[in-house]
């Protein structure tokens, strides 16, 4: 069993393989549970959130509105929607 701790936000989880079928399982865990598992001798693994989460040069993305959803729905009705999504067509 391995205890995983995110160094950026303190989120914890533990992972293990089922002894019967060898399927990997991951479960979220509170800091108290993570500490208990470490004290019991479980291996600890630390990680960081992806750097891309903090890379928004224009600031936060605008909220997706109901109008945006309707526009997207209408766009998908056309035959040229793949090129419309990639911006490779004139409007």
N, C-alpha and C. Protein backbone atom coordinates (compact mmCIF):
# COMPACT_ATOMS: atom_id res chain seq x y z
N UNK A 1 0.85 -1.17 0.00
CA UNK A 1 0.00 0.00 0.00
C UNK A 1 0.89 1.22 0.00
N UNK A 2 0.48 2.23 -0.76
CA UNK A 2 1.22 3.48 -0.86
C UNK A 2 0.31 4.64 -0.51
N UNK A 3 0.80 5.56 0.32
CA UNK A 3 0.08 6.77 0.68
C UNK A 3 0.60 7.88 -0.23
N UNK A 4 -0.34 8.61 -0.87
CA UNK A 4 0.03 9.69 -1.78
C UNK A 4 -0.42 11.02 -1.19
N UNK A 5 0.50 11.99 -1.13
CA UNK A 5 0.22 13.31 -0.58
C UNK A 5 0.58 14.36 -1.62
N UNK A 6 -0.36 15.27 -1.91
CA UNK A 6 -0.08 16.38 -2.81
C UNK A 6 0.58 17.49 -1.98
N UNK A 7 1.76 17.90 -2.38
CA UNK A 7 2.49 18.93 -1.65
C UNK A 7 1.90 20.32 -1.84
N UNK A 8 1.06 20.50 -2.86
CA UNK A 8 0.49 21.82 -3.13
C UNK A 8 -0.78 22.10 -2.33
N UNK A 9 -1.66 21.12 -2.22
CA UNK A 9 -2.92 21.38 -1.51
C UNK A 9 -3.18 20.42 -0.34
N UNK A 10 -2.26 19.52 -0.07
CA UNK A 10 -2.38 18.62 1.06
C UNK A 10 -3.35 17.46 0.86
N UNK A 11 -3.91 17.32 -0.34
CA UNK A 11 -4.84 16.21 -0.60
C UNK A 11 -4.12 14.88 -0.43
N UNK A 12 -4.83 13.93 0.15
CA UNK A 12 -4.23 12.62 0.39
C UNK A 12 -5.05 11.50 -0.19
N UNK A 13 -4.38 10.40 -0.46
CA UNK A 13 -5.04 9.20 -0.97
C UNK A 13 -4.14 8.02 -0.66
N UNK A 14 -4.69 6.83 -0.80
CA UNK A 14 -3.86 5.63 -0.71
C UNK A 14 -4.22 4.71 -1.87
N UNK A 15 -3.24 3.94 -2.30
CA UNK A 15 -3.48 3.02 -3.41
C UNK A 15 -2.93 1.66 -3.06
N UNK A 16 -3.54 0.65 -3.64
CA UNK A 16 -3.11 -0.72 -3.41
C UNK A 16 -3.63 -1.59 -4.55
N UNK A 17 -3.15 -2.81 -4.63
CA UNK A 17 -3.64 -3.78 -5.60
C UNK A 17 -4.45 -4.83 -4.86
N UNK A 18 -5.59 -5.19 -5.43
CA UNK A 18 -6.44 -6.21 -4.85
C UNK A 18 -5.66 -7.52 -4.83
N UNK A 19 -5.59 -8.18 -3.68
CA UNK A 19 -4.83 -9.43 -3.61
C UNK A 19 -5.48 -10.56 -4.42
N UNK A 20 -6.75 -10.44 -4.74
CA UNK A 20 -7.42 -11.49 -5.49
C UNK A 20 -7.28 -11.32 -6.99
N UNK A 21 -7.59 -10.11 -7.49
CA UNK A 21 -7.60 -9.90 -8.95
C UNK A 21 -6.47 -9.01 -9.46
N UNK A 22 -5.69 -8.43 -8.57
CA UNK A 22 -4.56 -7.55 -8.90
C UNK A 22 -4.97 -6.22 -9.54
N UNK A 23 -6.24 -5.87 -9.43
CA UNK A 23 -6.70 -4.58 -9.93
C UNK A 23 -6.24 -3.47 -8.99
N UNK A 24 -5.75 -2.38 -9.58
CA UNK A 24 -5.31 -1.25 -8.78
C UNK A 24 -6.53 -0.50 -8.25
N UNK A 25 -6.45 -0.06 -7.00
CA UNK A 25 -7.52 0.71 -6.37
C UNK A 25 -6.91 1.94 -5.71
N UNK A 26 -7.61 3.06 -5.81
CA UNK A 26 -7.17 4.31 -5.20
C UNK A 26 -8.34 4.91 -4.45
N UNK A 27 -8.09 5.36 -3.23
CA UNK A 27 -9.14 5.97 -2.41
C UNK A 27 -8.62 7.25 -1.79
N UNK A 28 -9.46 8.29 -1.77
CA UNK A 28 -9.09 9.53 -1.08
C UNK A 28 -9.00 9.25 0.41
N UNK A 29 -8.15 10.03 1.08
CA UNK A 29 -7.97 9.83 2.53
C UNK A 29 -7.71 11.17 3.20
N UNK A 30 -8.23 11.31 4.39
CA UNK A 30 -8.02 12.53 5.17
C UNK A 30 -6.57 12.56 5.65
N UNK A 31 -6.09 13.73 6.08
CA UNK A 31 -4.73 13.80 6.63
C UNK A 31 -4.53 12.85 7.81
N UNK A 32 -5.56 12.66 8.65
CA UNK A 32 -5.43 11.75 9.79
C UNK A 32 -5.24 10.30 9.34
N UNK A 33 -5.98 9.89 8.32
CA UNK A 33 -5.84 8.53 7.80
C UNK A 33 -4.48 8.35 7.16
N UNK A 34 -4.02 9.35 6.41
CA UNK A 34 -2.69 9.27 5.78
C UNK A 34 -1.61 9.13 6.85
N UNK A 35 -1.72 9.92 7.92
CA UNK A 35 -0.73 9.83 9.00
C UNK A 35 -0.76 8.46 9.65
N UNK A 36 -1.94 7.92 9.87
CA UNK A 36 -2.07 6.59 10.46
C UNK A 36 -1.44 5.52 9.58
N UNK A 37 -1.66 5.61 8.28
CA UNK A 37 -1.08 4.63 7.35
C UNK A 37 0.44 4.74 7.30
N UNK A 38 0.96 5.98 7.33
CA UNK A 38 2.42 6.15 7.36
C UNK A 38 3.00 5.56 8.64
N UNK A 39 2.34 5.81 9.77
CA UNK A 39 2.82 5.26 11.05
C UNK A 39 2.79 3.73 11.04
N UNK A 40 1.86 3.17 10.26
CA UNK A 40 1.76 1.71 10.18
C UNK A 40 2.82 1.12 9.24
N UNK A 41 3.60 1.99 8.59
CA UNK A 41 4.69 1.51 7.76
C UNK A 41 4.45 1.56 6.26
N UNK A 42 3.36 2.18 5.83
CA UNK A 42 3.10 2.29 4.40
C UNK A 42 4.09 3.25 3.75
N UNK A 43 4.45 2.93 2.54
CA UNK A 43 5.34 3.79 1.76
C UNK A 43 4.62 5.09 1.45
N UNK A 44 5.36 6.22 1.45
CA UNK A 44 4.78 7.51 1.15
C UNK A 44 5.30 8.02 -0.18
N UNK A 45 4.43 8.61 -0.96
CA UNK A 45 4.78 9.18 -2.25
C UNK A 45 4.21 10.59 -2.28
N UNK A 46 5.02 11.57 -2.65
CA UNK A 46 4.53 12.94 -2.75
C UNK A 46 4.49 13.35 -4.22
N UNK A 47 3.62 14.31 -4.51
CA UNK A 47 3.48 14.79 -5.88
C UNK A 47 3.02 16.24 -5.88
N UNK A 48 3.10 16.87 -7.04
CA UNK A 48 2.68 18.27 -7.22
C UNK A 48 1.56 18.33 -8.25
N UNK A 49 0.70 19.34 -8.11
CA UNK A 49 -0.29 19.61 -9.14
C UNK A 49 0.42 20.03 -10.42
N UNK A 50 -0.16 19.77 -11.59
CA UNK A 50 0.49 20.19 -12.84
C UNK A 50 0.67 21.70 -12.89
N UNK A 51 1.81 22.14 -13.37
CA UNK A 51 2.11 23.57 -13.47
C UNK A 51 1.12 24.29 -14.37
N UNK A 52 0.54 23.58 -15.32
CA UNK A 52 -0.39 24.20 -16.26
C UNK A 52 -1.63 24.78 -15.57
N UNK A 53 -1.95 24.30 -14.39
CA UNK A 53 -3.11 24.82 -13.67
C UNK A 53 -2.95 26.29 -13.31
N UNK A 54 -1.73 26.74 -13.18
CA UNK A 54 -1.49 28.14 -12.83
C UNK A 54 -1.14 29.01 -14.02
N UNK A 55 -1.19 28.47 -15.22
CA UNK A 55 -0.77 29.21 -16.41
C UNK A 55 -1.97 29.72 -17.20
N UNK A 56 -2.53 30.82 -16.78
CA UNK A 56 -3.61 31.48 -17.51
C UNK A 56 -3.15 32.90 -17.78
N UNK A 57 -2.48 33.13 -18.92
CA UNK A 57 -1.91 34.46 -19.18
C UNK A 57 -2.96 35.56 -19.27
N UNK A 58 -4.20 35.22 -19.64
CA UNK A 58 -5.25 36.23 -19.77
C UNK A 58 -6.10 36.33 -18.52
N UNK A 59 -5.70 35.71 -17.45
CA UNK A 59 -6.52 35.69 -16.24
C UNK A 59 -7.48 34.52 -16.27
N UNK A 60 -8.41 34.48 -15.34
CA UNK A 60 -9.34 33.35 -15.29
C UNK A 60 -10.21 33.28 -16.55
N UNK A 61 -10.55 32.08 -16.93
CA UNK A 61 -11.42 31.89 -18.09
C UNK A 61 -12.81 32.43 -17.78
N UNK A 62 -13.45 33.04 -18.79
CA UNK A 62 -14.81 33.52 -18.54
C UNK A 62 -15.76 32.35 -18.29
N UNK A 63 -16.81 32.61 -17.55
CA UNK A 63 -17.79 31.56 -17.25
C UNK A 63 -18.48 31.12 -18.52
N UNK A 64 -18.78 29.83 -18.61
CA UNK A 64 -19.51 29.26 -19.74
C UNK A 64 -21.00 29.47 -19.48
N UNK A 65 -21.64 30.24 -20.33
CA UNK A 65 -23.03 30.62 -20.09
C UNK A 65 -24.00 29.73 -20.86
N UNK A 66 -25.29 29.89 -20.59
CA UNK A 66 -26.31 29.18 -21.35
C UNK A 66 -26.28 29.59 -22.82
N UNK A 67 -25.98 30.86 -23.10
CA UNK A 67 -25.86 31.32 -24.48
C UNK A 67 -24.70 30.60 -25.18
N UNK A 68 -23.59 30.42 -24.48
CA UNK A 68 -22.46 29.69 -25.04
C UNK A 68 -22.87 28.25 -25.37
N UNK A 69 -23.62 27.63 -24.49
CA UNK A 69 -24.07 26.27 -24.73
C UNK A 69 -24.97 26.20 -25.96
N UNK A 70 -25.88 27.15 -26.10
CA UNK A 70 -26.76 27.19 -27.27
C UNK A 70 -25.94 27.41 -28.54
N UNK A 71 -24.99 28.34 -28.50
CA UNK A 71 -24.13 28.57 -29.67
C UNK A 71 -23.38 27.31 -30.06
N UNK A 72 -22.87 26.59 -29.08
CA UNK A 72 -22.14 25.35 -29.35
C UNK A 72 -23.08 24.31 -29.97
N UNK A 73 -24.28 24.20 -29.44
CA UNK A 73 -25.27 23.26 -29.99
C UNK A 73 -25.57 23.60 -31.44
N UNK A 74 -25.77 24.87 -31.73
CA UNK A 74 -26.05 25.29 -33.10
C UNK A 74 -24.85 25.04 -34.01
N UNK A 75 -23.67 25.25 -33.53
CA UNK A 75 -22.46 24.99 -34.31
C UNK A 75 -22.37 23.52 -34.70
N UNK A 76 -22.72 22.64 -33.79
CA UNK A 76 -22.64 21.19 -34.06
C UNK A 76 -23.69 20.74 -35.08
N UNK A 77 -24.70 21.56 -35.34
CA UNK A 77 -25.72 21.20 -36.33
C UNK A 77 -25.20 21.33 -37.76
N UNK A 78 -24.17 22.13 -37.97
CA UNK A 78 -23.63 22.33 -39.31
C UNK A 78 -22.66 21.23 -39.71
N UNK A 79 -22.48 21.08 -41.04
CA UNK A 79 -21.57 20.06 -41.55
C UNK A 79 -20.11 20.43 -41.36
N UNK A 80 -19.83 21.71 -41.16
CA UNK A 80 -18.43 22.15 -41.05
C UNK A 80 -17.98 22.33 -39.60
N UNK A 81 -18.66 21.68 -38.65
CA UNK A 81 -18.33 21.91 -37.25
C UNK A 81 -16.90 21.53 -36.88
N UNK A 82 -16.28 20.48 -37.50
CA UNK A 82 -14.89 20.20 -37.11
C UNK A 82 -13.95 21.36 -37.43
N UNK A 83 -14.10 21.95 -38.63
CA UNK A 83 -13.22 23.08 -38.97
C UNK A 83 -13.60 24.32 -38.16
N UNK A 84 -14.88 24.45 -37.82
CA UNK A 84 -15.29 25.60 -36.99
C UNK A 84 -14.65 25.53 -35.60
N UNK A 85 -14.54 24.34 -35.07
CA UNK A 85 -13.94 24.20 -33.73
C UNK A 85 -12.45 24.47 -33.74
N UNK A 86 -11.78 24.15 -34.84
CA UNK A 86 -10.33 24.37 -34.91
C UNK A 86 -9.99 25.75 -35.41
N UNK A 87 -11.01 26.50 -35.85
CA UNK A 87 -10.77 27.86 -36.31
C UNK A 87 -10.18 27.92 -37.70
N UNK A 88 -10.29 26.83 -38.49
CA UNK A 88 -9.66 26.80 -39.80
C UNK A 88 -10.63 27.17 -40.92
N UNK A 89 -11.71 27.86 -40.59
CA UNK A 89 -12.64 28.28 -41.63
C UNK A 89 -12.96 29.77 -41.44
N UNK A 90 -13.28 30.44 -42.52
CA UNK A 90 -13.68 31.85 -42.36
C UNK A 90 -15.10 31.92 -41.81
N UNK A 91 -15.35 32.93 -41.00
CA UNK A 91 -16.69 33.08 -40.43
C UNK A 91 -17.57 33.94 -41.28
